[in-house]
């Protein structure tokens, strides 16, 4: 059974899809965002390695391609696209090759497309060249959704040169925004153990929305948390949601963090009330 056959009922019967919104495919999140991401805007998905950034991004593209006839472009920087497709096929059962064969989903390994250059010990890809590559695919395939996963490898520089990184990121976002009518996700990997929203500390100021994925431990339970840090032009408060990743479906929101923690308290109390079995002699 395809994703569309299995889950289209939710989309058609449980909430209205607005013309100015791009549903993410995560039903609870789309409810909160009044239908999904605002079309034409740029969103940052941040988190440490292995938190679900790529899965969320591909779920966004897959939903657009299968349910809304919105072709998607996935630009991978530091991992071959074949490895990405094989990973989600084996772990989630997603056949992205089928969408690719229909030109509904386009994969681009950006490393093979741009020329790097050195300037004052910095090596980077010119934002104008990146935008030019994106625009070519937008025109050729009618792309409506874009993912750049991740953005950090585009910049190889000293982490202390914040002003230079900020100007580079500003120029990159400006160039992407010039391409009309595409909704964009950029992912940013946060170094393990660092309490940041993004890798360079400037990306969140340039994006219209910021979502941080993280792990949380409470009373011995470890679970995944999605932090809605910022959503410009959307009436939603910053909040944390507990989620899980399921085969075939992808990311699924279980509940708000505060509600989930209350349930954990109930489970914890119940465990404490269970009679203790005396040790065997």
C-alpha atoms as a PDB file:
ATOM      1  CA  UNK A   1       0.000   0.000   0.000  1.00  0.00           C
ATOM      2  CA  UNK A   2       1.382   3.394  -0.972  1.00  0.00           C
ATOM      3  CA  UNK A   3       1.774   6.374   1.357  1.00  0.00           C
ATOM      4  CA  UNK A   4      -1.051   8.147  -0.462  1.00  0.00           C
ATOM      5  CA  UNK A   5      -3.451   5.200  -0.142  1.00  0.00           C
ATOM      6  CA  UNK A   6      -2.639   4.746   3.548  1.00  0.00           C
ATOM      7  CA  UNK A   7      -2.669   8.338   4.763  1.00  0.00           C
ATOM      8  CA  UNK A   8      -4.654  10.476   2.300  1.00  0.00           C
ATOM      9  CA  UNK A   9      -7.762   9.978   4.457  1.00  0.00           C
ATOM     10  CA  UNK A  10      -6.155  12.002   7.249  1.00  0.00           C
ATOM     11  CA  UNK A  11      -5.369  14.881   4.936  1.00  0.00           C
ATOM     12  CA  UNK A  12      -8.735  15.000   3.236  1.00  0.00           C
ATOM     13  CA  UNK A  13     -10.963  14.589   6.267  1.00  0.00           C
ATOM     14  CA  UNK A  14      -9.150  15.994   9.274  1.00  0.00           C
ATOM     15  CA  UNK A  15      -7.954  19.436   8.279  1.00  0.00           C
ATOM     16  CA  UNK A  16      -8.270  21.987   5.534  1.00  0.00           C
ATOM     17  CA  UNK A  17      -5.290  22.546   3.246  1.00  0.00           C
ATOM     18  CA  UNK A  18      -4.739  26.241   2.601  1.00  0.00           C
ATOM     19  CA  UNK A  19      -3.452  27.591  -0.708  1.00  0.00           C
ATOM     20  CA  UNK A  20      -0.591  29.446   0.980  1.00  0.00           C
ATOM     21  CA  UNK A  21       0.642  26.442   3.000  1.00  0.00           C
ATOM     22  CA  UNK A  22       2.880  23.475   2.178  1.00  0.00           C
ATOM     23  CA  UNK A  23       1.918  20.492   4.393  1.00  0.00           C
ATOM     24  CA  UNK A  24       4.880  18.693   5.919  1.00  0.00           C
ATOM     25  CA  UNK A  25       3.251  15.265   6.074  1.00  0.00           C
ATOM     26  CA  UNK A  26       3.429  15.335   9.884  1.00  0.00           C
ATOM     27  CA  UNK A  27      -0.255  15.622  10.714  1.00  0.00           C
ATOM     28  CA  UNK A  28      -0.046  17.093  14.232  1.00  0.00           C
ATOM     29  CA  UNK A  29       2.600  19.610  13.164  1.00  0.00           C
ATOM     30  CA  UNK A  30       0.509  20.701  10.188  1.00  0.00           C
ATOM     31  CA  UNK A  31      -2.439  21.243  12.523  1.00  0.00           C
ATOM     32  CA  UNK A  32      -0.357  23.586  14.663  1.00  0.00           C
ATOM     33  CA  UNK A  33       1.010  25.449  11.628  1.00  0.00           C
ATOM     34  CA  UNK A  34      -2.444  26.093  10.150  1.00  0.00           C
ATOM     35  CA  UNK A  35      -1.845  23.719   7.255  1.00  0.00           C
ATOM     36  CA  UNK A  36       1.945  23.458   7.076  1.00  0.00           C
ATOM     37  CA  UNK A  37       4.908  25.649   6.235  1.00  0.00           C
ATOM     38  CA  UNK A  38       4.135  28.992   4.652  1.00  0.00           C
ATOM     39  CA  UNK A  39       4.810  28.709   0.923  1.00  0.00           C
ATOM     40  CA  UNK A  40       7.823  30.586  -0.407  1.00  0.00           C
ATOM     41  CA  UNK A  41       9.586  30.759   2.973  1.00  0.00           C
ATOM     42  CA  UNK A  42      12.817  29.195   4.255  1.00  0.00           C
ATOM     43  CA  UNK A  43      12.861  26.907   7.309  1.00  0.00           C
ATOM     44  CA  UNK A  44      15.788  25.648   9.359  1.00  0.00           C
ATOM     45  CA  UNK A  45      15.781  22.119  10.805  1.00  0.00           C
ATOM     46  CA  UNK A  46      18.586  21.799  13.365  1.00  0.00           C
ATOM     47  CA  UNK A  47      19.836  19.042  15.618  1.00  0.00           C
ATOM     48  CA  UNK A  48      22.681  16.719  16.484  1.00  0.00           C
ATOM     49  CA  UNK A  49      23.514  13.807  14.195  1.00  0.00           C
ATOM     50  CA  UNK A  50      20.872  11.083  14.041  1.00  0.00           C
ATOM     51  CA  UNK A  51      17.929  13.124  15.344  1.00  0.00           C
ATOM     52  CA  UNK A  52      15.735  12.874  12.224  1.00  0.00           C
ATOM     53  CA  UNK A  53      16.607  15.987  10.186  1.00  0.00           C
ATOM     54  CA  UNK A  54      16.957  14.123   6.896  1.00  0.00           C
ATOM     55  CA  UNK A  55      13.822  12.057   7.504  1.00  0.00           C
ATOM     56  CA  UNK A  56      11.756  15.176   8.246  1.00  0.00           C
ATOM     57  CA  UNK A  57      13.121  16.839   5.110  1.00  0.00           C
ATOM     58  CA  UNK A  58      12.390  13.838   2.885  1.00  0.00           C
ATOM     59  CA  UNK A  59       8.930  13.428   4.437  1.00  0.00           C
ATOM     60  CA  UNK A  60       8.233  17.037   3.449  1.00  0.00           C
ATOM     61  CA  UNK A  61       9.351  16.399  -0.139  1.00  0.00           C
ATOM     62  CA  UNK A  62       7.603  13.029  -0.376  1.00  0.00           C
ATOM     63  CA  UNK A  63       4.309  14.470   0.851  1.00  0.00           C
ATOM     64  CA  UNK A  64       4.428  17.253  -1.719  1.00  0.00           C
ATOM     65  CA  UNK A  65       5.272  14.897  -4.565  1.00  0.00           C
ATOM     66  CA  UNK A  66       2.694  12.215  -3.757  1.00  0.00           C
ATOM     67  CA  UNK A  67      -0.250  14.187  -2.417  1.00  0.00           C
ATOM     68  CA  UNK A  68      -0.032  17.697  -3.849  1.00  0.00           C
ATOM     69  CA  UNK A  69       1.686  17.338  -7.227  1.00  0.00           C
ATOM     70  CA  UNK A  70       4.555  19.530  -6.045  1.00  0.00           C
ATOM     71  CA  UNK A  71       7.906  18.267  -7.394  1.00  0.00           C
ATOM     72  CA  UNK A  72      10.743  18.375  -4.872  1.00  0.00           C
ATOM     73  CA  UNK A  73      14.483  18.956  -5.171  1.00  0.00           C
ATOM     74  CA  UNK A  74      16.803  17.359  -2.611  1.00  0.00           C
ATOM     75  CA  UNK A  75      20.341  18.760  -2.591  1.00  0.00           C
ATOM     76  CA  UNK A  76      22.763  16.650  -0.625  1.00  0.00           C
ATOM     77  CA  UNK A  77      26.156  18.051   0.298  1.00  0.00           C
ATOM     78  CA  UNK A  78      28.154  15.511   2.285  1.00  0.00           C
ATOM     79  CA  UNK A  79      26.403  12.176   1.609  1.00  0.00           C
ATOM     80  CA  UNK A  80      25.797  10.534  -1.780  1.00  0.00           C
ATOM     81  CA  UNK A  81      22.133  10.584  -2.746  1.00  0.00           C
ATOM     82  CA  UNK A  82      22.182   6.829  -3.379  1.00  0.00           C
ATOM     83  CA  UNK A  83      23.138   6.283   0.265  1.00  0.00           C
ATOM     84  CA  UNK A  84      20.285   8.542   1.390  1.00  0.00           C
ATOM     85  CA  UNK A  85      17.730   6.680  -0.735  1.00  0.00           C
ATOM     86  CA  UNK A  86      19.003   3.297   0.367  1.00  0.00           C
ATOM     87  CA  UNK A  87      18.899   4.354   4.019  1.00  0.00           C
ATOM     88  CA  UNK A  88      15.227   5.372   4.015  1.00  0.00           C
ATOM     89  CA  UNK A  89      14.294   2.383   1.851  1.00  0.00           C
ATOM     90  CA  UNK A  90      15.814  -0.062   4.339  1.00  0.00           C
ATOM     91  CA  UNK A  91      14.687   1.713   7.524  1.00  0.00           C
ATOM     92  CA  UNK A  92      11.310   3.158   6.511  1.00  0.00           C
ATOM     93  CA  UNK A  93      10.297   1.288   3.377  1.00  0.00           C
ATOM     94  CA  UNK A  94      10.197   4.465   1.265  1.00  0.00           C
ATOM     95  CA  UNK A  95      10.764   3.855  -2.447  1.00  0.00           C
ATOM     96  CA  UNK A  96      12.087   7.232  -3.524  1.00  0.00           C
ATOM     97  CA  UNK A  97      13.456   5.812  -6.779  1.00  0.00           C
ATOM     98  CA  UNK A  98       9.874   5.479  -8.026  1.00  0.00           C
ATOM     99  CA  UNK A  99       9.224   9.187  -7.430  1.00  0.00           C
ATOM    100  CA  UNK A 100      12.548  10.041  -9.023  1.00  0.00           C
ATOM    101  CA  UNK A 101      11.690   8.068 -12.160  1.00  0.00           C
ATOM    102  CA  UNK A 102       8.519  10.187 -12.486  1.00  0.00           C
ATOM    103  CA  UNK A 103      10.486  13.442 -12.066  1.00  0.00           C
ATOM    104  CA  UNK A 104       8.503  14.162  -8.905  1.00  0.00           C
ATOM    105  CA  UNK A 105      11.613  14.001  -6.760  1.00  0.00           C
ATOM    106  CA  UNK A 106      15.023  15.117  -7.993  1.00  0.00           C
ATOM    107  CA  UNK A 107      18.293  14.338  -6.210  1.00  0.00           C
ATOM    108  CA  UNK A 108      21.399  16.445  -6.764  1.00  0.00           C
ATOM    109  CA  UNK A 109      24.845  15.740  -5.308  1.00  0.00           C
ATOM    110  CA  UNK A 110      26.013  19.337  -5.110  1.00  0.00           C
ATOM    111  CA  UNK A 111      29.675  18.465  -4.648  1.00  0.00           C
ATOM    112  CA  UNK A 112      29.846  17.363  -8.280  1.00  0.00           C
ATOM    113  CA  UNK A 113      28.262  20.597  -9.552  1.00  0.00           C
ATOM    114  CA  UNK A 114      30.156  23.512  -8.048  1.00  0.00           C
ATOM    115  CA  UNK A 115      33.763  24.681  -8.278  1.00  0.00           C
ATOM    116  CA  UNK A 116      35.405  25.462  -4.945  1.00  0.00           C
ATOM    117  CA  UNK A 117      37.760  28.359  -4.588  1.00  0.00           C
ATOM    118  CA  UNK A 118      40.091  29.660  -1.892  1.00  0.00           C
ATOM    119  CA  UNK A 119      39.975  33.130  -0.418  1.00  0.00           C
ATOM    120  CA  UNK A 120      41.898  34.138   2.676  1.00  0.00           C
ATOM    121  CA  UNK A 121      42.129  30.490   3.786  1.00  0.00           C
ATOM    122  CA  UNK A 122      38.401  29.977   3.290  1.00  0.00           C
ATOM    123  CA  UNK A 123      37.031  27.435   0.845  1.00  0.00           C
ATOM    124  CA  UNK A 124      33.397  27.744  -0.087  1.00  0.00           C
ATOM    125  CA  UNK A 125      30.824  27.508  -2.857  1.00  0.00           C
ATOM    126  CA  UNK A 126      29.610  30.808  -4.262  1.00  0.00           C
ATOM    127  CA  UNK A 127      25.941  31.321  -3.233  1.00  0.00           C
ATOM    128  CA  UNK A 128      25.196  32.653  -6.719  1.00  0.00           C
ATOM    129  CA  UNK A 129      26.428  29.394  -8.261  1.00  0.00           C
ATOM    130  CA  UNK A 130      24.259  27.387  -5.865  1.00  0.00           C
ATOM    131  CA  UNK A 131      21.203  29.493  -6.707  1.00  0.00           C
ATOM    132  CA  UNK A 132      21.929  29.088 -10.420  1.00  0.00           C
ATOM    133  CA  UNK A 133      21.980  25.293 -10.098  1.00  0.00           C
ATOM    134  CA  UNK A 134      18.711  25.332  -8.131  1.00  0.00           C
ATOM    135  CA  UNK A 135      17.059  27.628 -10.662  1.00  0.00           C
ATOM    136  CA  UNK A 136      17.968  25.290 -13.514  1.00  0.00           C
ATOM    137  CA  UNK A 137      16.123  22.422 -11.842  1.00  0.00           C
ATOM    138  CA  UNK A 138      13.199  24.642 -10.865  1.00  0.00           C
ATOM    139  CA  UNK A 139      12.700  25.627 -14.494  1.00  0.00           C
ATOM    140  CA  UNK A 140      13.243  22.107 -15.850  1.00  0.00           C
ATOM    141  CA  UNK A 141      11.026  20.167 -13.439  1.00  0.00           C
ATOM    142  CA  UNK A 142       8.689  22.790 -11.978  1.00  0.00           C
ATOM    143  CA  UNK A 143      10.153  22.334  -8.496  1.00  0.00           C
ATOM    144  CA  UNK A 144       7.995  23.689  -5.656  1.00  0.00           C
ATOM    145  CA  UNK A 145       9.835  22.260  -2.642  1.00  0.00           C
ATOM    146  CA  UNK A 146      13.561  22.412  -1.926  1.00  0.00           C
ATOM    147  CA  UNK A 147      15.816  20.795   0.686  1.00  0.00           C
ATOM    148  CA  UNK A 148      19.506  21.608   1.225  1.00  0.00           C
ATOM    149  CA  UNK A 149      20.863  18.927   3.565  1.00  0.00           C
ATOM    150  CA  UNK A 150      23.017  20.108   5.283  1.00  0.00           C
ATOM    151  CA  UNK A 151      24.251  23.652   4.718  1.00  0.00           C
ATOM    152  CA  UNK A 152      27.409  23.531   6.866  1.00  0.00           C
ATOM    153  CA  UNK A 153      29.687  21.759   4.310  1.00  0.00           C
ATOM    154  CA  UNK A 154      29.163  24.707   1.961  1.00  0.00           C
ATOM    155  CA  UNK A 155      31.292  26.703   4.386  1.00  0.00           C
ATOM    156  CA  UNK A 156      34.739  25.462   5.397  1.00  0.00           C
ATOM    157  CA  UNK A 157      36.191  28.210   7.527  1.00  0.00           C
ATOM    158  CA  UNK A 158      37.302  29.186  11.004  1.00  0.00           C
ATOM    159  CA  UNK A 159      34.424  29.045  13.474  1.00  0.00           C
ATOM    160  CA  UNK A 160      35.673  32.303  14.994  1.00  0.00           C
ATOM    161  CA  UNK A 161      35.033  34.261  11.782  1.00  0.00           C
ATOM    162  CA  UNK A 162      31.381  34.847  12.624  1.00  0.00           C
ATOM    163  CA  UNK A 163      30.981  38.020  10.580  1.00  0.00           C
ATOM    164  CA  UNK A 164      32.172  36.330   7.409  1.00  0.00           C
ATOM    165  CA  UNK A 165      29.888  33.316   7.979  1.00  0.00           C
ATOM    166  CA  UNK A 166      26.951  35.628   8.668  1.00  0.00           C
ATOM    167  CA  UNK A 167      27.483  37.505   5.423  1.00  0.00           C
ATOM    168  CA  UNK A 168      27.822  34.252   3.488  1.00  0.00           C
ATOM    169  CA  UNK A 169      24.605  32.850   4.977  1.00  0.00           C
ATOM    170  CA  UNK A 170      22.769  36.105   4.341  1.00  0.00           C
ATOM    171  CA  UNK A 171      23.822  36.042   0.689  1.00  0.00           C
ATOM    172  CA  UNK A 172      22.847  32.365   0.316  1.00  0.00           C
ATOM    173  CA  UNK A 173      19.384  32.963   1.800  1.00  0.00           C
ATOM    174  CA  UNK A 174      18.966  36.078  -0.357  1.00  0.00           C
ATOM    175  CA  UNK A 175      19.815  34.147  -3.521  1.00  0.00           C
ATOM    176  CA  UNK A 176      17.415  31.297  -2.646  1.00  0.00           C
ATOM    177  CA  UNK A 177      14.618  33.746  -1.820  1.00  0.00           C
ATOM    178  CA  UNK A 178      14.992  35.287  -5.286  1.00  0.00           C
ATOM    179  CA  UNK A 179      13.731  31.991  -6.737  1.00  0.00           C
ATOM    180  CA  UNK A 180       9.994  32.505  -6.561  1.00  0.00           C
ATOM    181  CA  UNK A 181       7.347  30.082  -5.321  1.00  0.00           C
ATOM    182  CA  UNK A 182       9.529  27.431  -3.679  1.00  0.00           C
ATOM    183  CA  UNK A 183       9.344  26.409  -0.029  1.00  0.00           C
ATOM    184  CA  UNK A 184      12.766  25.564   1.376  1.00  0.00           C
ATOM    185  CA  UNK A 185      14.188  23.485   4.209  1.00  0.00           C
ATOM    186  CA  UNK A 186      17.824  23.893   5.184  1.00  0.00           C
ATOM    187  CA  UNK A 187      19.251  21.491   7.738  1.00  0.00           C
ATOM    188  CA  UNK A 188      22.025  22.306  10.187  1.00  0.00           C
ATOM    189  CA  UNK A 189      23.920  19.779  12.281  1.00  0.00           C
ATOM    190  CA  UNK A 190      24.713  20.930  15.817  1.00  0.00           C
ATOM    191  CA  UNK A 191      27.947  19.583  17.315  1.00  0.00           C
ATOM    192  CA  UNK A 192      27.212  16.974  19.974  1.00  0.00           C
ATOM    193  CA  UNK A 193      26.882  18.415  23.448  1.00  0.00           C
ATOM    194  CA  UNK A 194      26.622  22.057  22.394  1.00  0.00           C
ATOM    195  CA  UNK A 195      23.545  24.005  23.473  1.00  0.00           C
ATOM    196  CA  UNK A 196      22.916  25.799  20.192  1.00  0.00           C
ATOM    197  CA  UNK A 197      20.031  26.300  17.793  1.00  0.00           C
ATOM    198  CA  UNK A 198      22.293  26.078  14.738  1.00  0.00           C
ATOM    199  CA  UNK A 199      25.886  25.233  13.859  1.00  0.00           C
ATOM    200  CA  UNK A 200      27.153  28.776  13.260  1.00  0.00           C
ATOM    201  CA  UNK A 201      24.687  30.633  15.478  1.00  0.00           C
ATOM    202  CA  UNK A 202      23.411  32.871  12.674  1.00  0.00           C
ATOM    203  CA  UNK A 203      21.196  30.645  10.499  1.00  0.00           C
ATOM    204  CA  UNK A 204      18.173  30.958  12.782  1.00  0.00           C
ATOM    205  CA  UNK A 205      18.042  34.719  12.300  1.00  0.00           C
ATOM    206  CA  UNK A 206      17.713  34.359   8.535  1.00  0.00           C
ATOM    207  CA  UNK A 207      15.053  31.614   8.415  1.00  0.00           C
ATOM    208  CA  UNK A 208      11.313  32.205   8.707  1.00  0.00           C
ATOM    209  CA  UNK A 209      10.977  29.190  10.963  1.00  0.00           C
ATOM    210  CA  UNK A 210      13.279  27.111  13.175  1.00  0.00           C
ATOM    211  CA  UNK A 211      12.694  23.554  14.396  1.00  0.00           C
ATOM    212  CA  UNK A 212      15.217  21.833  16.636  1.00  0.00           C
ATOM    213  CA  UNK A 213      15.248  18.047  17.026  1.00  0.00           C
ATOM    214  CA  UNK A 214      16.792  16.629  20.189  1.00  0.00           C
ATOM    215  CA  UNK A 215      16.799  13.803  22.718  1.00  0.00           C
ATOM    216  CA  UNK A 216      15.476  14.223  26.249  1.00  0.00           C
ATOM    217  CA  UNK A 217      15.777  12.025  29.319  1.00  0.00           C
ATOM    218  CA  UNK A 218      13.168  12.056  32.087  1.00  0.00           C
ATOM    219  CA  UNK A 219      12.806   9.551  34.928  1.00  0.00           C
ATOM    220  CA  UNK A 220      14.871   7.024  33.028  1.00  0.00           C
ATOM    221  CA  UNK A 221      12.885   7.377  29.795  1.00  0.00           C
ATOM    222  CA  UNK A 222      14.712   8.674  26.715  1.00  0.00           C
ATOM    223  CA  UNK A 223      12.562  10.123  23.948  1.00  0.00           C
ATOM    224  CA  UNK A 224      12.721  12.352  20.884  1.00  0.00           C
ATOM    225  CA  UNK A 225      11.636  15.996  21.129  1.00  0.00           C
ATOM    226  CA  UNK A 226      10.758  18.501  18.406  1.00  0.00           C
ATOM    227  CA  UNK A 227      11.185  22.103  19.570  1.00  0.00           C
ATOM    228  CA  UNK A 228       9.186  24.662  17.577  1.00  0.00           C
ATOM    229  CA  UNK A 229      11.565  27.525  18.278  1.00  0.00           C
ATOM    230  CA  UNK A 230      10.337  30.116  15.784  1.00  0.00           C
ATOM    231  CA  UNK A 231       7.530  30.343  13.206  1.00  0.00           C
ATOM    232  CA  UNK A 232       7.239  33.744  11.576  1.00  0.00           C
ATOM    233  CA  UNK A 233       3.831  34.679  10.108  1.00  0.00           C
ATOM    234  CA  UNK A 234       2.167  31.795  11.958  1.00  0.00           C
ATOM    235  CA  UNK A 235       0.095  32.086  15.134  1.00  0.00           C
ATOM    236  CA  UNK A 236       1.772  29.313  17.112  1.00  0.00           C
ATOM    237  CA  UNK A 237       3.658  29.596  20.397  1.00  0.00           C
ATOM    238  CA  UNK A 238       7.112  28.092  20.915  1.00  0.00           C
ATOM    239  CA  UNK A 239       6.597  24.578  22.242  1.00  0.00           C
ATOM    240  CA  UNK A 240       8.099  21.118  22.484  1.00  0.00           C
ATOM    241  CA  UNK A 241       6.516  17.988  21.036  1.00  0.00           C
ATOM    242  CA  UNK A 242       7.423  14.355  21.644  1.00  0.00           C
ATOM    243  CA  UNK A 243       7.755  12.335  18.451  1.00  0.00           C
ATOM    244  CA  UNK A 244       8.766   8.938  17.184  1.00  0.00           C
ATOM    245  CA  UNK A 245       9.916   7.605  13.814  1.00  0.00           C
ATOM    246  CA  UNK A 246       7.867   4.724  12.423  1.00  0.00           C
ATOM    247  CA  UNK A 247       8.410   2.539   9.329  1.00  0.00           C
ATOM    248  CA  UNK A 248       6.371   3.637   6.288  1.00  0.00           C
ATOM    249  CA  UNK A 249       5.005   6.714   8.041  1.00  0.00           C
ATOM    250  CA  UNK A 250       8.138   8.539   9.146  1.00  0.00           C
ATOM    251  CA  UNK A 251       7.924  11.185  11.872  1.00  0.00           C
ATOM    252  CA  UNK A 252       4.794  10.992  14.022  1.00  0.00           C
ATOM    253  CA  UNK A 253       3.975  13.363  16.895  1.00  0.00           C
ATOM    254  CA  UNK A 254       2.904  11.545  20.056  1.00  0.00           C
ATOM    255  CA  UNK A 255       1.931  14.503  22.262  1.00  0.00           C
ATOM    256  CA  UNK A 256       3.054  17.818  23.705  1.00  0.00           C
ATOM    257  CA  UNK A 257       6.045  17.453  26.001  1.00  0.00           C
ATOM    258  CA  UNK A 258       4.186  18.578  29.110  1.00  0.00           C
ATOM    259  CA  UNK A 259       1.429  16.005  28.544  1.00  0.00           C
ATOM    260  CA  UNK A 260       3.923  13.238  27.828  1.00  0.00           C
ATOM    261  CA  UNK A 261       5.863  13.983  31.029  1.00  0.00           C
ATOM    262  CA  UNK A 262       2.655  13.776  33.053  1.00  0.00           C
ATOM    263  CA  UNK A 263       2.032  10.335  31.569  1.00  0.00           C
ATOM    264  CA  UNK A 264       5.580   9.299  32.435  1.00  0.00           C
ATOM    265  CA  UNK A 265       4.891  10.420  36.015  1.00  0.00           C
ATOM    266  CA  UNK A 266       1.838   8.139  36.053  1.00  0.00           C
ATOM    267  CA  UNK A 267       3.883   5.191  34.759  1.00  0.00           C
ATOM    268  CA  UNK A 268       6.653   5.907  37.250  1.00  0.00           C
ATOM    269  CA  UNK A 269       4.206   6.053  40.164  1.00  0.00           C
ATOM    270  CA  UNK A 270       2.593   2.794  39.035  1.00  0.00           C
ATOM    271  CA  UNK A 271       5.976   1.074  38.973  1.00  0.00           C
ATOM    272  CA  UNK A 272       6.655   2.281  42.494  1.00  0.00           C
ATOM    273  CA  UNK A 273       3.381   0.804  43.757  1.00  0.00           C
ATOM    274  CA  UNK A 274       4.047  -2.671  42.391  1.00  0.00           C
ATOM    275  CA  UNK A 275       4.764  -5.241  45.131  1.00  0.00           C
ATOM    276  CA  UNK A 276       8.423  -6.129  45.399  1.00  0.00           C
ATOM    277  CA  UNK A 277       9.293  -9.770  44.835  1.00  0.00           C
ATOM    278  CA  UNK A 278      11.478 -11.041  47.681  1.00  0.00           C
ATOM    279  CA  UNK A 279      14.901 -12.265  46.610  1.00  0.00           C
ATOM    280  CA  UNK A 280      15.228 -15.991  46.112  1.00  0.00           C
ATOM    281  CA  UNK A 281      17.161 -17.870  48.761  1.00  0.00           C
END
